[in-house]
Amino acid sequence: MSGIEKLKTLQELENSDWGDPARGETGLIQKCLALRRKRLADFSKEDLRLAIGQKMGLKFLLPLAMHHLKLDPFSKGDLYPGDLLQSVLRVPIESWGETEELRMLCAQLPAIGRRFLEKTGEMDENTRAIFHELIAATERLADVQ
C-alpha cells in the first residue's frame, strides 16, 4: 500500500459514501460509518479489528493489519490478545484473491498463526480448536494461490 493511500479514507479510496455516522441506527453502525471517514494512517488496531470484522475495505485494511501481525501475532484491539489475528483469519477466502498483494500476505498467515499458537499456553481447548481450524484454512488457501 502506498503512503498516499494511507492518507486517504475508505470513503475516498472506494469512492463510496455510506452515510452520516450520526444517522447510524446502532452504535456499531455509527462507528463503522465514522471509520469510513478516518484516514487509514490513523487507524488503531481496534479500528482495524472492527472494520475487518465487518468486512469493510478489506483490500486496503488487510495489509495494515498484517503489518501489525507480522510484528506481533498477539496484536490486540480492545478485546483480548490475538483479537486482530482472529478477525483477519475470519476474512472470507475469496477476499484474499482480490489483489496480488493480498495473495502474498495470505501465504504468510499460517506462519503467523502457528507463532501465535506456540506462544499461547492458557487458551481453552475450544478457542485453540477454532484457531487451528482457521489456520488450516489459510494453509489450504496458500497452497491454491
C-alpha atoms as a PDB file:
ATOM      1  CA  MET A   1       0.000   0.000   0.000  1.00  0.00           C
ATOM      2  CA  SER A   2       1.347   3.389  -0.923  1.00  0.00           C
ATOM      3  CA  GLY A   3       1.872   6.191   1.552  1.00  0.00           C
ATOM      4  CA  ILE A   4      -0.619   8.279  -0.406  1.00  0.00           C
ATOM      5  CA  GLU A   5      -3.335   5.643   0.092  1.00  0.00           C
ATOM      6  CA  LYS A   6      -2.719   5.742   3.840  1.00  0.00           C
ATOM      7  CA  LEU A   7      -3.538   9.454   3.821  1.00  0.00           C
ATOM      8  CA  LYS A   8      -6.963   8.732   2.355  1.00  0.00           C
ATOM      9  CA  THR A   9     -10.136   7.338   3.856  1.00  0.00           C
ATOM     10  CA  LEU A  10     -12.023   4.210   2.823  1.00  0.00           C
ATOM     11  CA  GLN A  11     -14.743   6.520   1.580  1.00  0.00           C
ATOM     12  CA  GLU A  12     -12.224   8.228  -0.735  1.00  0.00           C
ATOM     13  CA  LEU A  13     -10.454   5.043  -1.840  1.00  0.00           C
ATOM     14  CA  GLU A  14     -13.692   3.234  -2.649  1.00  0.00           C
ATOM     15  CA  ASN A  15     -15.426   6.371  -3.938  1.00  0.00           C
ATOM     16  CA  SER A  16     -18.476   5.477  -1.880  1.00  0.00           C
ATOM     17  CA  ASP A  17     -20.227   7.439   0.864  1.00  0.00           C
ATOM     18  CA  TRP A  18     -22.244   5.128   3.122  1.00  0.00           C
ATOM     19  CA  GLY A  19     -23.846   7.994   5.008  1.00  0.00           C
ATOM     20  CA  ASP A  20     -23.559  10.248   8.009  1.00  0.00           C
ATOM     21  CA  PRO A  21     -22.262   8.440  11.121  1.00  0.00           C
ATOM     22  CA  ALA A  22     -24.677  10.406  13.317  1.00  0.00           C
ATOM     23  CA  ARG A  23     -27.581   8.807  11.455  1.00  0.00           C
ATOM     24  CA  GLY A  24     -26.466   5.233  12.111  1.00  0.00           C
ATOM     25  CA  GLU A  25     -29.163   3.135  13.772  1.00  0.00           C
ATOM     26  CA  THR A  26     -26.834   1.437  16.253  1.00  0.00           C
ATOM     27  CA  GLY A  27     -23.546   2.232  17.950  1.00  0.00           C
ATOM     28  CA  LEU A  28     -21.762  -0.294  15.733  1.00  0.00           C
ATOM     29  CA  ILE A  29     -23.164   1.233  12.549  1.00  0.00           C
ATOM     30  CA  GLN A  30     -22.193   4.715  13.729  1.00  0.00           C
ATOM     31  CA  LYS A  31     -18.652   3.527  14.482  1.00  0.00           C
ATOM     32  CA  CYS A  32     -18.320   1.808  11.092  1.00  0.00           C
ATOM     33  CA  LEU A  33     -19.584   4.876   9.237  1.00  0.00           C
ATOM     34  CA  ALA A  34     -17.127   7.035  11.184  1.00  0.00           C
ATOM     35  CA  LEU A  35     -14.256   4.649  10.352  1.00  0.00           C
ATOM     36  CA  ARG A  36     -15.010   5.033   6.652  1.00  0.00           C
ATOM     37  CA  ARG A  37     -14.217   8.759   7.081  1.00  0.00           C
ATOM     38  CA  LYS A  38     -10.984   8.223   9.044  1.00  0.00           C
ATOM     39  CA  ARG A  39      -7.592   8.317   7.306  1.00  0.00           C
ATOM     40  CA  LEU A  40      -6.078   4.840   7.097  1.00  0.00           C
ATOM     41  CA  ALA A  41      -2.869   6.177   8.651  1.00  0.00           C
ATOM     42  CA  ASP A  42      -4.891   6.999  11.776  1.00  0.00           C
ATOM     43  CA  PHE A  43      -6.474   3.547  12.211  1.00  0.00           C
ATOM     44  CA  SER A  44      -5.732   1.907  15.550  1.00  0.00           C
ATOM     45  CA  LYS A  45      -5.529  -1.864  15.977  1.00  0.00           C
ATOM     46  CA  GLU A  46      -9.052  -1.739  17.392  1.00  0.00           C
ATOM     47  CA  ASP A  47     -10.247   0.183  14.327  1.00  0.00           C
ATOM     48  CA  LEU A  48      -8.685  -2.476  12.096  1.00  0.00           C
ATOM     49  CA  ARG A  49     -10.196  -5.311  14.139  1.00  0.00           C
ATOM     50  CA  LEU A  50     -13.652  -3.796  13.996  1.00  0.00           C
ATOM     51  CA  ALA A  51     -13.595  -2.800  10.321  1.00  0.00           C
ATOM     52  CA  ILE A  52     -12.106  -6.109   9.162  1.00  0.00           C
ATOM     53  CA  GLY A  53     -14.627  -7.972  11.295  1.00  0.00           C
ATOM     54  CA  GLN A  54     -17.366  -6.094   9.423  1.00  0.00           C
ATOM     55  CA  LYS A  55     -15.648  -6.916   6.071  1.00  0.00           C
ATOM     56  CA  MET A  56     -15.063  -3.225   5.312  1.00  0.00           C
ATOM     57  CA  GLY A  57     -12.371  -2.109   2.876  1.00  0.00           C
ATOM     58  CA  LEU A  58     -10.500  -5.389   3.107  1.00  0.00           C
ATOM     59  CA  LYS A  59      -8.117  -4.780   0.221  1.00  0.00           C
ATOM     60  CA  PHE A  60      -6.929  -1.627   1.984  1.00  0.00           C
ATOM     61  CA  LEU A  61      -7.107  -2.703   5.634  1.00  0.00           C
ATOM     62  CA  LEU A  62      -5.699  -6.229   5.479  1.00  0.00           C
ATOM     63  CA  PRO A  63      -2.190  -5.027   4.554  1.00  0.00           C
ATOM     64  CA  LEU A  64      -2.246  -2.674   7.556  1.00  0.00           C
ATOM     65  CA  ALA A  65      -3.402  -5.442   9.887  1.00  0.00           C
ATOM     66  CA  MET A  66      -0.814  -7.864   8.517  1.00  0.00           C
ATOM     67  CA  HIS A  67       1.925  -5.331   9.235  1.00  0.00           C
ATOM     68  CA  HIS A  68       0.940  -5.411  12.922  1.00  0.00           C
ATOM     69  CA  LEU A  69       0.537  -9.203  12.984  1.00  0.00           C
ATOM     70  CA  LYS A  70       3.950  -9.861  11.448  1.00  0.00           C
ATOM     71  CA  LEU A  71       5.491  -7.810  14.247  1.00  0.00           C
ATOM     72  CA  ASP A  72       3.322  -9.349  16.953  1.00  0.00           C
ATOM     73  CA  PRO A  73       0.708 -12.062  16.374  1.00  0.00           C
ATOM     74  CA  PHE A  74      -0.798 -11.084  19.758  1.00  0.00           C
ATOM     75  CA  SER A  75      -1.668  -7.594  18.457  1.00  0.00           C
ATOM     76  CA  LYS A  76      -4.956  -6.643  20.022  1.00  0.00           C
ATOM     77  CA  GLY A  77      -7.770  -4.219  19.738  1.00  0.00           C
ATOM     78  CA  ASP A  78      -9.961  -3.663  22.769  1.00  0.00           C
ATOM     79  CA  LEU A  79     -10.949  -7.275  23.430  1.00  0.00           C
ATOM     80  CA  TYR A  80      -8.060  -9.683  24.046  1.00  0.00           C
ATOM     81  CA  PRO A  81      -4.565 -10.571  22.793  1.00  0.00           C
ATOM     82  CA  GLY A  82      -4.956 -12.096  19.341  1.00  0.00           C
ATOM     83  CA  ASP A  83      -8.315 -10.478  18.545  1.00  0.00           C
ATOM     84  CA  LEU A  84      -6.851  -8.777  15.455  1.00  0.00           C
ATOM     85  CA  LEU A  85      -5.500 -12.119  14.221  1.00  0.00           C
ATOM     86  CA  GLN A  86      -8.858 -13.767  14.777  1.00  0.00           C
ATOM     87  CA  SER A  87     -10.606 -11.055  12.720  1.00  0.00           C
ATOM     88  CA  VAL A  88      -8.060 -11.473   9.923  1.00  0.00           C
ATOM     89  CA  LEU A  89      -8.354 -15.263   9.959  1.00  0.00           C
ATOM     90  CA  ARG A  90     -12.143 -14.956   9.590  1.00  0.00           C
ATOM     91  CA  VAL A  91     -11.913 -12.965   6.352  1.00  0.00           C
ATOM     92  CA  PRO A  92     -13.685 -14.879   3.564  1.00  0.00           C
ATOM     93  CA  ILE A  93     -11.238 -16.876   1.484  1.00  0.00           C
ATOM     94  CA  GLU A  94     -12.275 -15.221  -1.778  1.00  0.00           C
ATOM     95  CA  SER A  95     -11.261 -11.798  -0.414  1.00  0.00           C
ATOM     96  CA  TRP A  96      -7.609 -12.857  -0.254  1.00  0.00           C
ATOM     97  CA  GLY A  97      -7.569 -13.360  -4.019  1.00  0.00           C
ATOM     98  CA  GLU A  98      -8.550  -9.771  -4.880  1.00  0.00           C
ATOM     99  CA  THR A  99      -5.002  -8.485  -5.416  1.00  0.00           C
ATOM    100  CA  GLU A 100      -1.505  -9.881  -5.781  1.00  0.00           C
ATOM    101  CA  GLU A 101      -0.526  -8.153  -2.536  1.00  0.00           C
ATOM    102  CA  LEU A 102      -3.334  -9.909  -0.652  1.00  0.00           C
ATOM    103  CA  ARG A 103      -2.371 -13.284  -2.144  1.00  0.00           C
ATOM    104  CA  MET A 104       1.203 -12.789  -0.939  1.00  0.00           C
ATOM    105  CA  LEU A 105       0.028 -11.705   2.514  1.00  0.00           C
ATOM    106  CA  CYS A 106      -2.301 -14.696   2.742  1.00  0.00           C
ATOM    107  CA  ALA A 107       0.654 -17.014   2.244  1.00  0.00           C
ATOM    108  CA  GLN A 108       2.171 -15.523   5.428  1.00  0.00           C
ATOM    109  CA  LEU A 109      -0.887 -16.146   7.607  1.00  0.00           C
ATOM    110  CA  PRO A 110      -0.206 -19.800   8.513  1.00  0.00           C
ATOM    111  CA  ALA A 111       3.234 -18.939   9.925  1.00  0.00           C
ATOM    112  CA  ILE A 112       1.793 -16.035  11.922  1.00  0.00           C
ATOM    113  CA  GLY A 113      -0.971 -18.282  13.238  1.00  0.00           C
ATOM    114  CA  ARG A 114       1.470 -21.023  14.245  1.00  0.00           C
ATOM    115  CA  ARG A 115       3.651 -18.462  16.088  1.00  0.00           C
ATOM    116  CA  PHE A 116       0.535 -17.337  17.930  1.00  0.00           C
ATOM    117  CA  LEU A 117      -0.441 -20.878  18.938  1.00  0.00           C
ATOM    118  CA  GLU A 118       3.114 -21.798  20.013  1.00  0.00           C
ATOM    119  CA  LYS A 119       3.166 -18.908  22.481  1.00  0.00           C
ATOM    120  CA  THR A 120      -0.329 -19.458  23.839  1.00  0.00           C
ATOM    121  CA  GLY A 121      -0.412 -21.744  26.819  1.00  0.00           C
ATOM    122  CA  GLU A 122      -3.545 -20.550  28.603  1.00  0.00           C
ATOM    123  CA  MET A 123      -6.020 -20.796  25.738  1.00  0.00           C
ATOM    124  CA  ASP A 124      -9.014 -23.027  26.332  1.00  0.00           C
ATOM    125  CA  GLU A 125      -9.369 -26.028  24.038  1.00  0.00           C
ATOM    126  CA  ASN A 126     -12.420 -24.706  22.154  1.00  0.00           C
ATOM    127  CA  THR A 127     -10.649 -21.455  21.278  1.00  0.00           C
ATOM    128  CA  ARG A 128      -7.471 -23.319  20.351  1.00  0.00           C
ATOM    129  CA  ALA A 129      -9.520 -25.582  18.050  1.00  0.00           C
ATOM    130  CA  ILE A 130     -11.043 -22.533  16.347  1.00  0.00           C
ATOM    131  CA  PHE A 131      -7.607 -21.037  15.721  1.00  0.00           C
ATOM    132  CA  HIS A 132      -6.296 -24.382  14.400  1.00  0.00           C
ATOM    133  CA  GLU A 133      -9.258 -24.598  12.028  1.00  0.00           C
ATOM    134  CA  LEU A 134      -8.780 -21.039  10.780  1.00  0.00           C
ATOM    135  CA  ILE A 135      -5.034 -21.539  10.303  1.00  0.00           C
ATOM    136  CA  ALA A 136      -5.633 -24.791   8.413  1.00  0.00           C
ATOM    137  CA  ALA A 137      -7.999 -22.924   6.088  1.00  0.00           C
ATOM    138  CA  THR A 138      -5.328 -20.325   5.335  1.00  0.00           C
ATOM    139  CA  GLU A 139      -2.797 -23.096   4.670  1.00  0.00           C
ATOM    140  CA  ARG A 140      -5.161 -24.645   2.119  1.00  0.00           C
ATOM    141  CA  LEU A 141      -5.720 -21.261   0.536  1.00  0.00           C
ATOM    142  CA  ALA A 142      -1.976 -20.505   0.419  1.00  0.00           C
ATOM    143  CA  ASP A 143      -1.447 -23.855  -1.361  1.00  0.00           C
ATOM    144  CA  VAL A 144      -4.034 -22.915  -4.005  1.00  0.00           C
ATOM    145  CA  GLN A 145      -2.594 -19.427  -4.552  1.00  0.00           C
END
